Amino acid sequence: ELDGTFGVRRRGYFTTVDGKESVVLSNKDSAFIKIDGNNATMLTRPDFQGEALCWRATADLDSLTIPEESMEPILAPESWEEKVGWSTNTVKLSEDEYLVGWHAVLKEDLSYKDGLALIDRNGKLLAISDYLLAPQGLVENYGDRPLVIFGDGLVRYEDYLIWIGGVSDYCIGIFIAGIEEALSKLREVR
């Protein structure tokens, strides 16, 4: 938590609580959907015994706790994927629709490929795309961690969607598409 001059006011980490017990999980690839006072609705990817999939949850920002009963898996790896995770912040599109980037690590070559997902304010998955970004060419296949495009930020600017992310732990990539074109790649989840 930062103060008005970006000084550190408080440091902490989330624990997952189950009644009387709490546990610190390896927890990556998280993004807030909505913050209301001290309560947050969020997307997260805790690591349960090596299983890496996308969850939704609620969190208490005062106590930095995630109640176990609030957690629900919403996106699991396909048979050809090693793991999946959230990649970007959420971008509000309407009162109850948010866009977020997600990624998968493929078993075949351990490459990272990225797509978009549409969720509601509670983190329920409404629509998802196939992979929209995948490493191509020398720059995206070379680096400290080859074959990776990893989203770090998603921005809506006028009629554009801007995806900002790391490329093979080597450089920063900026990918721009028309918002309508990006949304046309989503398919409804039933």
C-alpha atoms as a PDB file:
ATOM      1  CA  GLU A   1       0.000   0.000   0.000  1.00  0.00           C
ATOM      2  CA  LEU A   2       1.390   3.412  -0.978  1.00  0.00           C
ATOM      3  CA  ASP A   3       0.750   6.874   0.398  1.00  0.00           C
ATOM      4  CA  GLY A   4       0.117  10.030  -1.652  1.00  0.00           C
ATOM      5  CA  THR A   5       3.829  10.449  -2.425  1.00  0.00           C
ATOM      6  CA  PHE A   6       4.264   6.781  -3.387  1.00  0.00           C
ATOM      7  CA  GLY A   7       6.032   5.954  -0.129  1.00  0.00           C
ATOM      8  CA  VAL A   8       5.402   2.508   1.301  1.00  0.00           C
ATOM      9  CA  ARG A   9       2.625   2.704   3.880  1.00  0.00           C
ATOM     10  CA  ARG A  10       2.190  -1.026   4.385  1.00  0.00           C
ATOM     11  CA  ARG A  11       3.663  -4.245   3.018  1.00  0.00           C
ATOM     12  CA  GLY A  12       1.938  -7.566   3.088  1.00  0.00           C
ATOM     13  CA  TYR A  13       0.755 -10.622   1.255  1.00  0.00           C
ATOM     14  CA  PHE A  14      -2.493 -12.502   0.977  1.00  0.00           C
ATOM     15  CA  THR A  15      -3.190 -15.576   3.054  1.00  0.00           C
ATOM     16  CA  THR A  16      -5.969 -18.005   2.279  1.00  0.00           C
ATOM     17  CA  VAL A  17      -8.180 -18.670   5.289  1.00  0.00           C
ATOM     18  CA  ASP A  18     -10.396 -21.639   6.067  1.00  0.00           C
ATOM     19  CA  GLY A  19     -12.224 -20.985   9.309  1.00  0.00           C
ATOM     20  CA  LYS A  20      -9.488 -21.377  11.932  1.00  0.00           C
ATOM     21  CA  GLU A  21      -6.450 -21.954   9.732  1.00  0.00           C
ATOM     22  CA  SER A  22      -4.620 -19.748   7.285  1.00  0.00           C
ATOM     23  CA  VAL A  23      -2.012 -20.672   4.718  1.00  0.00           C
ATOM     24  CA  VAL A  24       0.263 -18.688   2.445  1.00  0.00           C
ATOM     25  CA  LEU A  25      -0.004 -20.114  -1.058  1.00  0.00           C
ATOM     26  CA  SER A  26       2.277 -19.469  -3.977  1.00  0.00           C
ATOM     27  CA  ASN A  27      -0.031 -17.025  -5.686  1.00  0.00           C
ATOM     28  CA  LYS A  28       0.735 -15.436  -9.045  1.00  0.00           C
ATOM     29  CA  ASP A  29      -0.977 -13.759 -11.948  1.00  0.00           C
ATOM     30  CA  SER A  30      -3.541 -11.769  -9.969  1.00  0.00           C
ATOM     31  CA  ALA A  31      -5.701  -8.767 -10.846  1.00  0.00           C
ATOM     32  CA  PHE A  32      -8.426  -6.841  -9.066  1.00  0.00           C
ATOM     33  CA  ILE A  33     -11.787  -6.618 -10.791  1.00  0.00           C
ATOM     34  CA  LYS A  34     -13.538  -4.327  -8.362  1.00  0.00           C
ATOM     35  CA  ILE A  35     -12.598  -2.730  -5.044  1.00  0.00           C
ATOM     36  CA  ASP A  36     -15.395  -1.642  -2.719  1.00  0.00           C
ATOM     37  CA  GLY A  37     -14.030  -0.202   0.517  1.00  0.00           C
ATOM     38  CA  ASN A  38     -11.890  -2.928   2.066  1.00  0.00           C
ATOM     39  CA  ASN A  39     -13.340  -5.707  -0.075  1.00  0.00           C
ATOM     40  CA  ALA A  40     -12.024  -6.719  -3.465  1.00  0.00           C
ATOM     41  CA  THR A  41     -13.192  -9.094  -6.140  1.00  0.00           C
ATOM     42  CA  MET A  42     -10.190 -10.536  -7.884  1.00  0.00           C
ATOM     43  CA  LEU A  43      -8.737 -12.993 -10.334  1.00  0.00           C
ATOM     44  CA  THR A  44      -5.826 -15.055  -9.069  1.00  0.00           C
ATOM     45  CA  ARG A  45      -3.770 -18.171  -9.671  1.00  0.00           C
ATOM     46  CA  PRO A  46      -2.817 -19.951  -6.466  1.00  0.00           C
ATOM     47  CA  ASP A  47      -0.636 -23.017  -6.785  1.00  0.00           C
ATOM     48  CA  PHE A  48      -2.357 -26.048  -5.250  1.00  0.00           C
ATOM     49  CA  GLN A  49       0.036 -29.007  -5.393  1.00  0.00           C
ATOM     50  CA  GLY A  50       1.466 -27.927  -8.739  1.00  0.00           C
ATOM     51  CA  GLU A  51      -1.899 -27.309 -10.416  1.00  0.00           C
ATOM     52  CA  ALA A  52      -1.856 -23.923 -12.156  1.00  0.00           C
ATOM     53  CA  LEU A  53      -5.278 -22.697 -13.247  1.00  0.00           C
ATOM     54  CA  CYS A  54      -7.271 -19.470 -13.105  1.00  0.00           C
ATOM     55  CA  TRP A  55      -9.526 -18.695 -10.141  1.00  0.00           C
ATOM     56  CA  ARG A  56     -11.846 -15.951  -8.994  1.00  0.00           C
ATOM     57  CA  ALA A  57     -12.088 -14.933  -5.341  1.00  0.00           C
ATOM     58  CA  THR A  58     -12.894 -12.174  -2.898  1.00  0.00           C
ATOM     59  CA  ALA A  59     -10.359 -10.616  -0.558  1.00  0.00           C
ATOM     60  CA  ASP A  60     -10.365  -8.530   2.602  1.00  0.00           C
ATOM     61  CA  LEU A  61      -7.835  -5.760   1.989  1.00  0.00           C
ATOM     62  CA  ASP A  62      -7.539  -4.862   5.694  1.00  0.00           C
ATOM     63  CA  SER A  63      -6.540  -8.343   6.836  1.00  0.00           C
ATOM     64  CA  LEU A  64      -5.092  -9.359   3.438  1.00  0.00           C
ATOM     65  CA  THR A  65      -7.068 -12.591   3.516  1.00  0.00           C
ATOM     66  CA  ILE A  66      -8.843 -14.595   0.844  1.00  0.00           C
ATOM     67  CA  PRO A  67     -11.608 -16.772   2.287  1.00  0.00           C
ATOM     68  CA  GLU A  68     -11.294 -20.271   0.843  1.00  0.00           C
ATOM     69  CA  GLU A  69     -15.056 -20.502   0.326  1.00  0.00           C
ATOM     70  CA  SER A  70     -14.932 -17.472  -1.999  1.00  0.00           C
ATOM     71  CA  MET A  71     -12.512 -19.180  -4.376  1.00  0.00           C
ATOM     72  CA  GLU A  72     -13.758 -20.807  -7.567  1.00  0.00           C
ATOM     73  CA  PRO A  73     -11.760 -22.191 -10.506  1.00  0.00           C
ATOM     74  CA  ILE A  74     -12.889 -20.685 -13.810  1.00  0.00           C
ATOM     75  CA  LEU A  75     -10.254 -21.535 -16.425  1.00  0.00           C
ATOM     76  CA  ALA A  76      -8.283 -24.790 -16.499  1.00  0.00           C
ATOM     77  CA  PRO A  77      -5.512 -25.881 -18.868  1.00  0.00           C
ATOM     78  CA  GLU A  78      -6.422 -27.852 -21.970  1.00  0.00           C
ATOM     79  CA  SER A  79      -4.755 -31.251 -22.483  1.00  0.00           C
ATOM     80  CA  TRP A  80      -1.949 -29.670 -24.566  1.00  0.00           C
ATOM     81  CA  GLU A  81      -1.271 -26.918 -22.013  1.00  0.00           C
ATOM     82  CA  GLU A  82       1.033 -27.200 -19.004  1.00  0.00           C
ATOM     83  CA  LYS A  83      -0.651 -24.347 -17.141  1.00  0.00           C
ATOM     84  CA  VAL A  84      -2.781 -21.229 -17.563  1.00  0.00           C
ATOM     85  CA  GLY A  85      -2.822 -17.924 -15.714  1.00  0.00           C
ATOM     86  CA  TRP A  86      -4.042 -14.362 -15.805  1.00  0.00           C
ATOM     87  CA  SER A  87      -1.703 -11.951 -17.575  1.00  0.00           C
ATOM     88  CA  THR A  88      -2.987  -8.402 -17.230  1.00  0.00           C
ATOM     89  CA  ASN A  89      -5.084  -6.018 -15.208  1.00  0.00           C
ATOM     90  CA  THR A  90      -8.786  -5.882 -15.964  1.00  0.00           C
ATOM     91  CA  VAL A  91     -10.291  -3.225 -18.241  1.00  0.00           C
ATOM     92  CA  LYS A  92     -13.886  -2.210 -17.556  1.00  0.00           C
ATOM     93  CA  LEU A  93     -15.998  -2.276 -20.725  1.00  0.00           C
ATOM     94  CA  SER A  94     -19.468  -1.804 -19.228  1.00  0.00           C
ATOM     95  CA  GLU A  95     -21.222  -1.935 -15.859  1.00  0.00           C
ATOM     96  CA  ASP A  96     -20.792  -5.718 -15.693  1.00  0.00           C
ATOM     97  CA  GLU A  97     -18.123  -6.607 -18.277  1.00  0.00           C
ATOM     98  CA  TYR A  98     -14.359  -6.585 -17.864  1.00  0.00           C
ATOM     99  CA  LEU A  99     -11.653  -7.653 -20.282  1.00  0.00           C
ATOM    100  CA  VAL A 100      -8.490  -9.393 -19.042  1.00  0.00           C
ATOM    101  CA  GLY A 101      -5.511 -11.065 -20.676  1.00  0.00           C
ATOM    102  CA  TRP A 102      -4.691 -14.711 -19.983  1.00  0.00           C
ATOM    103  CA  HIS A 103      -1.814 -16.973 -20.979  1.00  0.00           C
ATOM    104  CA  ALA A 104      -1.075 -20.649 -21.451  1.00  0.00           C
ATOM    105  CA  VAL A 105       2.217 -22.514 -21.430  1.00  0.00           C
ATOM    106  CA  LEU A 106       2.196 -25.214 -24.104  1.00  0.00           C
ATOM    107  CA  LYS A 107       3.542 -28.673 -23.247  1.00  0.00           C
ATOM    108  CA  GLU A 108       5.056 -29.135 -26.709  1.00  0.00           C
ATOM    109  CA  ASP A 109       7.696 -26.379 -26.522  1.00  0.00           C
ATOM    110  CA  LEU A 110       6.967 -24.510 -23.241  1.00  0.00           C
ATOM    111  CA  SER A 111       6.036 -21.404 -25.244  1.00  0.00           C
ATOM    112  CA  TYR A 112       3.663 -18.821 -23.789  1.00  0.00           C
ATOM    113  CA  LYS A 113       0.615 -17.893 -25.850  1.00  0.00           C
ATOM    114  CA  ASP A 114      -1.922 -15.274 -24.885  1.00  0.00           C
ATOM    115  CA  GLY A 115      -5.603 -14.580 -25.287  1.00  0.00           C
ATOM    116  CA  LEU A 116      -8.382 -12.400 -23.909  1.00  0.00           C
ATOM    117  CA  ALA A 117     -11.256 -13.239 -21.589  1.00  0.00           C
ATOM    118  CA  LEU A 118     -14.458 -11.386 -20.779  1.00  0.00           C
ATOM    119  CA  ILE A 119     -15.626 -11.668 -17.177  1.00  0.00           C
ATOM    120  CA  ASP A 120     -18.402 -10.157 -15.095  1.00  0.00           C
ATOM    121  CA  ARG A 121     -17.927  -8.092 -11.908  1.00  0.00           C
ATOM    122  CA  ASN A 122     -17.791 -11.299  -9.844  1.00  0.00           C
ATOM    123  CA  GLY A 123     -15.143 -12.919 -12.032  1.00  0.00           C
ATOM    124  CA  LYS A 124     -17.493 -15.297 -13.824  1.00  0.00           C
ATOM    125  CA  LEU A 125     -16.135 -16.204 -17.262  1.00  0.00           C
ATOM    126  CA  LEU A 126     -18.483 -14.901 -19.990  1.00  0.00           C
ATOM    127  CA  ALA A 127     -16.380 -15.288 -23.147  1.00  0.00           C
ATOM    128  CA  ILE A 128     -12.861 -16.256 -24.168  1.00  0.00           C
ATOM    129  CA  SER A 129     -10.631 -16.081 -27.222  1.00  0.00           C
ATOM    130  CA  ASP A 130      -8.235 -18.576 -28.674  1.00  0.00           C
ATOM    131  CA  TYR A 131      -4.574 -17.548 -28.571  1.00  0.00           C
ATOM    132  CA  LEU A 132      -4.192 -14.071 -30.066  1.00  0.00           C
ATOM    133  CA  LEU A 133      -0.502 -13.492 -29.356  1.00  0.00           C
ATOM    134  CA  ALA A 134       2.240 -16.061 -29.882  1.00  0.00           C
ATOM    135  CA  PRO A 135       6.002 -15.656 -30.291  1.00  0.00           C
ATOM    136  CA  GLN A 136       7.007 -15.030 -33.918  1.00  0.00           C
ATOM    137  CA  GLY A 137      10.332 -14.117 -35.473  1.00  0.00           C
ATOM    138  CA  LEU A 138      13.799 -13.811 -34.025  1.00  0.00           C
ATOM    139  CA  VAL A 139      13.076 -11.055 -31.475  1.00  0.00           C
ATOM    140  CA  GLU A 140      10.152 -12.950 -29.941  1.00  0.00           C
ATOM    141  CA  ASN A 141      11.940 -16.313 -30.002  1.00  0.00           C
ATOM    142  CA  TYR A 142      15.247 -15.091 -28.577  1.00  0.00           C
ATOM    143  CA  GLY A 143      16.014 -13.886 -25.061  1.00  0.00           C
ATOM    144  CA  ASP A 144      16.591 -14.931 -21.479  1.00  0.00           C
ATOM    145  CA  ARG A 145      13.352 -16.955 -21.580  1.00  0.00           C
ATOM    146  CA  PRO A 146      12.715 -17.757 -25.269  1.00  0.00           C
ATOM    147  CA  LEU A 147       9.236 -18.219 -26.764  1.00  0.00           C
ATOM    148  CA  VAL A 148       7.445 -15.936 -24.314  1.00  0.00           C
ATOM    149  CA  ILE A 149       5.008 -13.080 -24.700  1.00  0.00           C
ATOM    150  CA  PHE A 150       3.694 -12.250 -21.238  1.00  0.00           C
ATOM    151  CA  GLY A 151       1.097  -9.563 -20.685  1.00  0.00           C
ATOM    152  CA  ASP A 152       1.744  -6.983 -18.013  1.00  0.00           C
ATOM    153  CA  GLY A 153      -0.788  -4.305 -18.845  1.00  0.00           C
ATOM    154  CA  LEU A 154      -3.985  -3.833 -20.796  1.00  0.00           C
ATOM    155  CA  VAL A 155      -5.176  -0.324 -21.677  1.00  0.00           C
ATOM    156  CA  ARG A 156      -8.211   0.927 -23.531  1.00  0.00           C
ATOM    157  CA  TYR A 157      -7.385   4.133 -25.378  1.00  0.00           C
ATOM    158  CA  GLU A 158     -10.113   5.654 -27.551  1.00  0.00           C
ATOM    159  CA  ASP A 159     -11.094   2.836 -29.961  1.00  0.00           C
ATOM    160  CA  TYR A 160      -7.952   0.787 -29.315  1.00  0.00           C
ATOM    161  CA  LEU A 161      -6.887  -1.980 -26.993  1.00  0.00           C
ATOM    162  CA  ILE A 162      -3.197  -1.809 -26.097  1.00  0.00           C
ATOM    163  CA  TRP A 163      -1.462  -4.906 -24.685  1.00  0.00           C
ATOM    164  CA  ILE A 164       1.904  -4.224 -23.052  1.00  0.00           C
ATOM    165  CA  GLY A 165       4.117  -7.096 -22.063  1.00  0.00           C
ATOM    166  CA  GLY A 166       7.464  -8.731 -21.784  1.00  0.00           C
ATOM    167  CA  VAL A 167       8.908 -10.501 -24.804  1.00  0.00           C
ATOM    168  CA  SER A 168      11.203 -13.423 -23.937  1.00  0.00           C
ATOM    169  CA  ASP A 169      12.424 -11.542 -20.826  1.00  0.00           C
ATOM    170  CA  TYR A 170      14.410  -9.514 -23.344  1.00  0.00           C
ATOM    171  CA  CYS A 171      12.342  -6.500 -24.355  1.00  0.00           C
ATOM    172  CA  ILE A 172       8.952  -4.848 -23.960  1.00  0.00           C
ATOM    173  CA  GLY A 173       6.308  -5.495 -26.580  1.00  0.00           C
ATOM    174  CA  ILE A 174       3.391  -3.225 -27.382  1.00  0.00           C
ATOM    175  CA  PHE A 175       0.538  -4.797 -29.316  1.00  0.00           C
ATOM    176  CA  ILE A 176      -2.343  -2.613 -30.534  1.00  0.00           C
ATOM    177  CA  ALA A 177      -5.684  -3.653 -32.013  1.00  0.00           C
ATOM    178  CA  GLY A 178      -9.019  -1.990 -32.540  1.00  0.00           C
ATOM    179  CA  ILE A 179     -11.255  -2.736 -29.545  1.00  0.00           C
ATOM    180  CA  GLU A 180     -14.056  -4.053 -31.776  1.00  0.00           C
ATOM    181  CA  GLU A 181     -11.619  -6.316 -33.629  1.00  0.00           C
ATOM    182  CA  ALA A 182     -10.328  -7.700 -30.321  1.00  0.00           C
ATOM    183  CA  LEU A 183     -13.851  -8.266 -28.979  1.00  0.00           C
ATOM    184  CA  SER A 184     -14.847 -10.046 -32.199  1.00  0.00           C
ATOM    185  CA  LYS A 185     -12.314 -12.782 -31.336  1.00  0.00           C
ATOM    186  CA  LEU A 186     -14.210 -13.741 -28.167  1.00  0.00           C
ATOM    187  CA  ARG A 187     -16.617 -16.658 -28.112  1.00  0.00           C
ATOM    188  CA  GLU A 188     -19.341 -16.978 -25.522  1.00  0.00           C
ATOM    189  CA  VAL A 189     -18.899 -19.545 -22.759  1.00  0.00           C
ATOM    190  CA  ARG A 190     -21.981 -21.507 -21.774  1.00  0.00           C
END
